[in-house]
Amino acid sequence: MFAEGFRVVRTPDTEKLPLPEADMSYIGPAFDGGDDVELQGTIESVAAQLVEINPNWHPGVVGKNTPSKTDTAKRAEVSPKTMLLSKGFAEVIADKSDQISPPLCNDDLGGQRYARTRILSNGADYLKGLNGNCRQPPRSCGRVSCSYDAGISFCNDGNNDIYVPCAELGRRVDGIVGLCGDGGTRMFTKGQVFDTDNWNVIAARSDC
């Protein structure tokens, strides 16, 4: 639930709740082999901005096989695990050892409203088609995706900016849809999943 720029969420550190709302930044290439661009807003908004920059841009195509020229040293603050994720090492998350499981589901997730499971799944697919990183400022939540009142939020519980591959956020939503939404068969659902690197993803209703 958004109210006056704050989002009420569960977090391992409850002393400084609620977390303020802050824009998520997308950092990734607009052209194959080109420099990273940094854009703010939901993924739907970012996609529109990328198409303005490159009319041939399409999710899952640009940047898939050609790395960006941008120096990744600026991302050195993130953990080695997250750096591996950004380089595409899927095996790092294969056993979900980095995920505090199971996710909070449905009635266990207070303060959130139910969203259409199918729309949340569509948002996850969109995120998985992106080849850049999503950055969230410290101690804040950003709305990553929102369509038909089904929102996906990326929350940073830590004290530094965090970079996570946008595709990984989509995979976390897949987990929520799978476990909280009964594999997508449940019409409405909501959930929140935490990562050991002090970030979490919320899939729930959001006005948009």
C-alpha atoms as a PDB file:
ATOM      1  CA  MET A   1       0.000   0.000   0.000  1.00  0.00           C
ATOM      2  CA  PHE A   2       1.414   3.396  -1.018  1.00  0.00           C
ATOM      3  CA  ALA A   3       0.578   6.332   1.240  1.00  0.00           C
ATOM      4  CA  GLU A   4       2.265   9.728   1.349  1.00  0.00           C
ATOM      5  CA  GLY A   5       5.395   8.393  -0.290  1.00  0.00           C
ATOM      6  CA  PHE A   6       5.843   5.476   2.077  1.00  0.00           C
ATOM      7  CA  ARG A   7       5.316   1.765   1.653  1.00  0.00           C
ATOM      8  CA  VAL A   8       4.295  -0.496   4.520  1.00  0.00           C
ATOM      9  CA  VAL A   9       6.264  -3.714   4.188  1.00  0.00           C
ATOM     10  CA  ARG A  10       7.820  -6.410   6.280  1.00  0.00           C
ATOM     11  CA  THR A  11      11.569  -6.274   6.571  1.00  0.00           C
ATOM     12  CA  PRO A  12      14.174  -8.004   8.754  1.00  0.00           C
ATOM     13  CA  ASP A  13      14.885  -4.635  10.415  1.00  0.00           C
ATOM     14  CA  THR A  14      11.589  -3.245  11.677  1.00  0.00           C
ATOM     15  CA  GLU A  15      13.037  -0.289  13.575  1.00  0.00           C
ATOM     16  CA  LYS A  16      12.833   2.135  10.638  1.00  0.00           C
ATOM     17  CA  LEU A  17       9.522   1.231   9.039  1.00  0.00           C
ATOM     18  CA  PRO A  18       7.801   2.193   6.884  1.00  0.00           C
ATOM     19  CA  LEU A  19      10.362   2.347   4.094  1.00  0.00           C
ATOM     20  CA  PRO A  20      10.120   5.464   1.914  1.00  0.00           C
ATOM     21  CA  GLU A  21       9.223   5.156  -1.729  1.00  0.00           C
ATOM     22  CA  ALA A  22      12.050   5.909  -4.197  1.00  0.00           C
ATOM     23  CA  ASP A  23      12.316   5.436  -7.940  1.00  0.00           C
ATOM     24  CA  MET A  24      13.967   2.299  -9.226  1.00  0.00           C
ATOM     25  CA  SER A  25      16.705   2.819 -11.830  1.00  0.00           C
ATOM     26  CA  TYR A  26      17.307   0.541 -14.809  1.00  0.00           C
ATOM     27  CA  ILE A  27      20.933   0.299 -15.932  1.00  0.00           C
ATOM     28  CA  GLY A  28      21.524  -1.526 -19.183  1.00  0.00           C
ATOM     29  CA  PRO A  29      22.277  -1.117 -22.890  1.00  0.00           C
ATOM     30  CA  ALA A  30      19.917   0.461 -25.385  1.00  0.00           C
ATOM     31  CA  PHE A  31      22.044  -0.837 -28.277  1.00  0.00           C
ATOM     32  CA  ASP A  32      24.007  -4.071 -28.662  1.00  0.00           C
ATOM     33  CA  GLY A  33      27.559  -3.367 -27.539  1.00  0.00           C
ATOM     34  CA  GLY A  34      26.652   0.153 -26.497  1.00  0.00           C
ATOM     35  CA  ASP A  35      27.168   1.929 -23.220  1.00  0.00           C
ATOM     36  CA  ASP A  36      24.720   1.383 -20.408  1.00  0.00           C
ATOM     37  CA  VAL A  37      22.017   3.978 -20.014  1.00  0.00           C
ATOM     38  CA  GLU A  38      20.372   4.781 -16.707  1.00  0.00           C
ATOM     39  CA  LEU A  39      16.622   5.338 -16.725  1.00  0.00           C
ATOM     40  CA  GLN A  40      14.134   5.712 -13.898  1.00  0.00           C
ATOM     41  CA  GLY A  41      10.589   4.500 -13.490  1.00  0.00           C
ATOM     42  CA  THR A  42       8.686   1.260 -13.828  1.00  0.00           C
ATOM     43  CA  ILE A  43       9.869  -1.280 -16.360  1.00  0.00           C
ATOM     44  CA  GLU A  44       6.952  -0.365 -18.602  1.00  0.00           C
ATOM     45  CA  SER A  45       8.100   3.278 -18.541  1.00  0.00           C
ATOM     46  CA  VAL A  46      11.741   2.292 -19.005  1.00  0.00           C
ATOM     47  CA  ALA A  47      10.843   0.161 -22.027  1.00  0.00           C
ATOM     48  CA  ALA A  48       9.111   3.131 -23.640  1.00  0.00           C
ATOM     49  CA  GLN A  49      12.192   5.285 -23.006  1.00  0.00           C
ATOM     50  CA  LEU A  50      14.479   2.636 -24.494  1.00  0.00           C
ATOM     51  CA  VAL A  51      12.357   2.483 -27.645  1.00  0.00           C
ATOM     52  CA  GLU A  52      12.662   6.263 -27.944  1.00  0.00           C
ATOM     53  CA  ILE A  53      16.451   5.908 -27.791  1.00  0.00           C
ATOM     54  CA  ASN A  54      16.557   2.872 -30.070  1.00  0.00           C
ATOM     55  CA  PRO A  55      13.423   2.117 -32.123  1.00  0.00           C
ATOM     56  CA  ASN A  56      14.774  -1.418 -32.660  1.00  0.00           C
ATOM     57  CA  TRP A  57      15.056  -2.143 -28.947  1.00  0.00           C
ATOM     58  CA  HIS A  58      13.044  -5.134 -27.795  1.00  0.00           C
ATOM     59  CA  PRO A  59      13.032  -7.031 -24.473  1.00  0.00           C
ATOM     60  CA  GLY A  60      15.309 -10.042 -24.542  1.00  0.00           C
ATOM     61  CA  VAL A  61      17.111  -8.969 -27.710  1.00  0.00           C
ATOM     62  CA  VAL A  62      19.368  -5.968 -27.101  1.00  0.00           C
ATOM     63  CA  GLY A  63      22.284  -6.819 -24.853  1.00  0.00           C
ATOM     64  CA  LYS A  64      21.531 -10.532 -24.668  1.00  0.00           C
ATOM     65  CA  ASN A  65      24.706 -11.702 -26.364  1.00  0.00           C
ATOM     66  CA  THR A  66      26.843  -8.558 -26.428  1.00  0.00           C
ATOM     67  CA  PRO A  67      28.112  -7.081 -23.143  1.00  0.00           C
ATOM     68  CA  SER A  68      27.899  -3.376 -22.472  1.00  0.00           C
ATOM     69  CA  LYS A  69      31.051  -1.272 -22.799  1.00  0.00           C
ATOM     70  CA  THR A  70      30.352   0.411 -19.491  1.00  0.00           C
ATOM     71  CA  ASP A  71      32.926  -0.225 -16.780  1.00  0.00           C
ATOM     72  CA  THR A  72      31.274  -2.381 -14.113  1.00  0.00           C
ATOM     73  CA  ALA A  73      33.619  -1.160 -11.378  1.00  0.00           C
ATOM     74  CA  LYS A  74      30.866   1.162 -10.160  1.00  0.00           C
ATOM     75  CA  ARG A  75      28.983  -1.976  -9.082  1.00  0.00           C
ATOM     76  CA  ALA A  76      31.776  -3.172  -6.800  1.00  0.00           C
ATOM     77  CA  GLU A  77      29.763  -2.359  -3.688  1.00  0.00           C
ATOM     78  CA  VAL A  78      27.370  -5.230  -4.272  1.00  0.00           C
ATOM     79  CA  SER A  79      28.093  -8.718  -3.010  1.00  0.00           C
ATOM     80  CA  PRO A  80      30.048 -11.255  -5.110  1.00  0.00           C
ATOM     81  CA  LYS A  81      26.860 -13.295  -5.450  1.00  0.00           C
ATOM     82  CA  THR A  82      24.919 -10.403  -6.948  1.00  0.00           C
ATOM     83  CA  MET A  83      27.842  -9.591  -9.243  1.00  0.00           C
ATOM     84  CA  LEU A  84      27.747 -13.177 -10.495  1.00  0.00           C
ATOM     85  CA  LEU A  85      24.030 -12.867 -11.075  1.00  0.00           C
ATOM     86  CA  SER A  86      24.608  -9.747 -13.159  1.00  0.00           C
ATOM     87  CA  LYS A  87      27.085 -11.706 -15.278  1.00  0.00           C
ATOM     88  CA  GLY A  88      24.548 -14.428 -15.935  1.00  0.00           C
ATOM     89  CA  PHE A  89      25.730 -17.212 -13.648  1.00  0.00           C
ATOM     90  CA  ALA A  90      22.337 -18.808 -13.131  1.00  0.00           C
ATOM     91  CA  GLU A  91      23.841 -21.656 -11.125  1.00  0.00           C
ATOM     92  CA  VAL A  92      24.420 -19.263  -8.241  1.00  0.00           C
ATOM     93  CA  ILE A  93      20.692 -19.131  -7.571  1.00  0.00           C
ATOM     94  CA  ALA A  94      19.842 -22.646  -8.691  1.00  0.00           C
ATOM     95  CA  ASP A  95      19.503 -23.993  -5.156  1.00  0.00           C
ATOM     96  CA  LYS A  96      17.814 -20.807  -3.868  1.00  0.00           C
ATOM     97  CA  SER A  97      20.298 -20.770  -0.977  1.00  0.00           C
ATOM     98  CA  ASP A  98      20.233 -16.971  -1.195  1.00  0.00           C
ATOM     99  CA  GLN A  99      16.486 -16.800  -0.714  1.00  0.00           C
ATOM    100  CA  ILE A 100      14.821 -16.774   2.689  1.00  0.00           C
ATOM    101  CA  SER A 101      12.009 -19.193   2.005  1.00  0.00           C
ATOM    102  CA  PRO A 102       9.178 -19.767   1.797  1.00  0.00           C
ATOM    103  CA  PRO A 103       7.763 -16.395   0.721  1.00  0.00           C
ATOM    104  CA  LEU A 104       5.093 -14.713   2.771  1.00  0.00           C
ATOM    105  CA  CYS A 105       1.836 -15.557   1.012  1.00  0.00           C
ATOM    106  CA  ASN A 106      -1.701 -14.248   0.942  1.00  0.00           C
ATOM    107  CA  ASP A 107      -3.145 -14.053   4.472  1.00  0.00           C
ATOM    108  CA  ASP A 108       0.378 -14.099   5.953  1.00  0.00           C
ATOM    109  CA  LEU A 109       1.189 -10.823   4.179  1.00  0.00           C
ATOM    110  CA  GLY A 110      -0.688  -8.101   6.001  1.00  0.00           C
ATOM    111  CA  GLY A 111      -0.965  -4.539   4.742  1.00  0.00           C
ATOM    112  CA  GLN A 112      -1.117  -5.594   1.089  1.00  0.00           C
ATOM    113  CA  ARG A 113      -4.060  -6.166  -1.232  1.00  0.00           C
ATOM    114  CA  TYR A 114      -4.591  -9.018  -3.649  1.00  0.00           C
ATOM    115  CA  ALA A 115      -3.672  -8.648  -7.328  1.00  0.00           C
ATOM    116  CA  ARG A 116      -4.542 -10.681 -10.390  1.00  0.00           C
ATOM    117  CA  THR A 117      -2.096 -13.563 -10.552  1.00  0.00           C
ATOM    118  CA  ARG A 118      -1.989 -13.577 -14.353  1.00  0.00           C
ATOM    119  CA  ILE A 119      -0.999  -9.903 -14.514  1.00  0.00           C
ATOM    120  CA  LEU A 120       1.751 -10.432 -11.933  1.00  0.00           C
ATOM    121  CA  SER A 121       3.035 -13.297 -14.070  1.00  0.00           C
ATOM    122  CA  ASN A 122       3.031 -11.033 -17.120  1.00  0.00           C
ATOM    123  CA  GLY A 123       5.118  -8.498 -15.205  1.00  0.00           C
ATOM    124  CA  ALA A 124       7.571 -11.235 -14.264  1.00  0.00           C
ATOM    125  CA  ASP A 125       7.915 -12.228 -17.921  1.00  0.00           C
ATOM    126  CA  TYR A 126       8.644  -8.620 -18.850  1.00  0.00           C
ATOM    127  CA  LEU A 127      11.374  -8.368 -16.211  1.00  0.00           C
ATOM    128  CA  LYS A 128      12.946 -11.636 -17.352  1.00  0.00           C
ATOM    129  CA  GLY A 129      13.228 -10.196 -20.854  1.00  0.00           C
ATOM    130  CA  LEU A 130      15.498  -7.372 -19.690  1.00  0.00           C
ATOM    131  CA  ASN A 131      19.255  -7.715 -19.773  1.00  0.00           C
ATOM    132  CA  GLY A 132      20.299  -4.915 -17.441  1.00  0.00           C
ATOM    133  CA  ASN A 133      20.336  -4.349 -13.698  1.00  0.00           C
ATOM    134  CA  CYS A 134      17.706  -2.775 -11.495  1.00  0.00           C
ATOM    135  CA  ARG A 135      19.114  -0.437  -8.850  1.00  0.00           C
ATOM    136  CA  GLN A 136      17.298   0.585  -5.691  1.00  0.00           C
ATOM    137  CA  PRO A 137      18.492   3.277  -3.251  1.00  0.00           C
ATOM    138  CA  PRO A 138      19.116   2.266   0.362  1.00  0.00           C
ATOM    139  CA  ARG A 139      16.246   1.819   2.798  1.00  0.00           C
ATOM    140  CA  SER A 140      13.559   2.305   0.169  1.00  0.00           C
ATOM    141  CA  CYS A 141      11.035   0.539  -2.052  1.00  0.00           C
ATOM    142  CA  GLY A 142      10.535   1.216  -5.744  1.00  0.00           C
ATOM    143  CA  ARG A 143       7.661   0.166  -7.948  1.00  0.00           C
ATOM    144  CA  VAL A 144       9.295  -1.944 -10.652  1.00  0.00           C
ATOM    145  CA  SER A 145       6.201  -2.868 -12.623  1.00  0.00           C
ATOM    146  CA  CYS A 146       2.529  -1.996 -12.514  1.00  0.00           C
ATOM    147  CA  SER A 147      -0.257  -2.937 -14.893  1.00  0.00           C
ATOM    148  CA  TYR A 148      -3.997  -3.348 -14.303  1.00  0.00           C
ATOM    149  CA  ASP A 149      -3.441  -2.625 -10.593  1.00  0.00           C
ATOM    150  CA  ALA A 150      -0.981  -5.517 -10.216  1.00  0.00           C
ATOM    151  CA  GLY A 151       2.306  -4.167  -8.896  1.00  0.00           C
ATOM    152  CA  ILE A 152       5.805  -5.517  -8.357  1.00  0.00           C
ATOM    153  CA  SER A 153       8.017  -3.647  -5.896  1.00  0.00           C
ATOM    154  CA  PHE A 154      11.760  -3.934  -5.254  1.00  0.00           C
ATOM    155  CA  CYS A 155      12.753  -3.045  -1.676  1.00  0.00           C
ATOM    156  CA  ASN A 156      16.264  -2.431  -0.394  1.00  0.00           C
ATOM    157  CA  ASP A 157      16.617  -3.084   3.338  1.00  0.00           C
ATOM    158  CA  GLY A 158      20.337  -2.243   3.321  1.00  0.00           C
ATOM    159  CA  ASN A 159      22.273   0.985   3.732  1.00  0.00           C
ATOM    160  CA  ASN A 160      23.813   1.134   0.242  1.00  0.00           C
ATOM    161  CA  ASP A 161      22.479   1.128  -3.298  1.00  0.00           C
ATOM    162  CA  ILE A 162      21.890  -2.413  -4.487  1.00  0.00           C
ATOM    163  CA  TYR A 163      22.049  -3.739  -8.049  1.00  0.00           C
ATOM    164  CA  VAL A 164      20.111  -6.859  -8.983  1.00  0.00           C
ATOM    165  CA  PRO A 165      19.572  -8.213 -12.507  1.00  0.00           C
ATOM    166  CA  CYS A 166      16.032  -7.259 -13.478  1.00  0.00           C
ATOM    167  CA  ALA A 167      15.541 -10.799 -14.757  1.00  0.00           C
ATOM    168  CA  GLU A 168      16.213 -12.110 -11.247  1.00  0.00           C
ATOM    169  CA  LEU A 169      13.436  -9.924  -9.869  1.00  0.00           C
ATOM    170  CA  GLY A 170      11.164 -11.547 -12.438  1.00  0.00           C
ATOM    171  CA  ARG A 171      12.225 -14.997 -11.302  1.00  0.00           C
ATOM    172  CA  ARG A 172      11.393 -14.103  -7.715  1.00  0.00           C
ATOM    173  CA  VAL A 173       7.902 -13.072  -8.821  1.00  0.00           C
ATOM    174  CA  ASP A 174       7.636 -16.413 -10.609  1.00  0.00           C
ATOM    175  CA  GLY A 175       8.297 -18.025  -7.239  1.00  0.00           C
ATOM    176  CA  ILE A 176       5.530 -16.000  -5.621  1.00  0.00           C
ATOM    177  CA  VAL A 177       3.103 -16.901  -8.411  1.00  0.00           C
ATOM    178  CA  GLY A 178       4.095 -20.548  -8.129  1.00  0.00           C
ATOM    179  CA  LEU A 179       3.820 -20.880  -4.362  1.00  0.00           C
ATOM    180  CA  CYS A 180       1.307 -18.208  -3.380  1.00  0.00           C
ATOM    181  CA  GLY A 181      -0.741 -18.368  -6.562  1.00  0.00           C
ATOM    182  CA  ASP A 182      -0.873 -22.157  -6.697  1.00  0.00           C
ATOM    183  CA  GLY A 183       1.109 -22.302  -9.898  1.00  0.00           C
ATOM    184  CA  GLY A 184      -0.963 -19.543 -11.466  1.00  0.00           C
ATOM    185  CA  THR A 185      -4.289 -21.312 -10.959  1.00  0.00           C
ATOM    186  CA  ARG A 186      -5.358 -18.962  -8.166  1.00  0.00           C
ATOM    187  CA  MET A 187      -7.057 -15.900  -9.677  1.00  0.00           C
ATOM    188  CA  PHE A 188      -5.805 -13.430  -7.048  1.00  0.00           C
ATOM    189  CA  THR A 189      -2.682 -13.589  -4.926  1.00  0.00           C
ATOM    190  CA  LYS A 190      -0.044 -11.563  -3.101  1.00  0.00           C
ATOM    191  CA  GLY A 191       3.387 -12.390  -1.732  1.00  0.00           C
ATOM    192  CA  GLN A 192       6.767 -11.151  -0.577  1.00  0.00           C
ATOM    193  CA  VAL A 193      10.095 -12.947  -0.834  1.00  0.00           C
ATOM    194  CA  PHE A 194      13.337 -11.957   0.904  1.00  0.00           C
ATOM    195  CA  ASP A 195      16.950 -12.327  -0.194  1.00  0.00           C
ATOM    196  CA  THR A 196      19.906 -12.745   2.157  1.00  0.00           C
ATOM    197  CA  ASP A 197      21.541  -9.669   0.581  1.00  0.00           C
ATOM    198  CA  ASN A 198      18.966  -7.456   2.328  1.00  0.00           C
ATOM    199  CA  TRP A 199      16.511  -6.919  -0.492  1.00  0.00           C
ATOM    200  CA  ASN A 200      13.047  -8.237  -1.145  1.00  0.00           C
ATOM    201  CA  VAL A 201      10.335  -8.335  -3.783  1.00  0.00           C
ATOM    202  CA  ILE A 202       6.629  -7.728  -3.229  1.00  0.00           C
ATOM    203  CA  ALA A 203       3.919  -8.787  -5.673  1.00  0.00           C
ATOM    204  CA  ALA A 204       0.532  -7.333  -4.735  1.00  0.00           C
ATOM    205  CA  ARG A 205      -2.141  -4.869  -5.765  1.00  0.00           C
ATOM    206  CA  SER A 206      -0.928  -1.352  -6.505  1.00  0.00           C
ATOM    207  CA  ASP A 207      -2.995   1.479  -7.943  1.00  0.00           C
ATOM    208  CA  CYS A 208      -1.914   2.189 -11.501  1.00  0.00           C
END
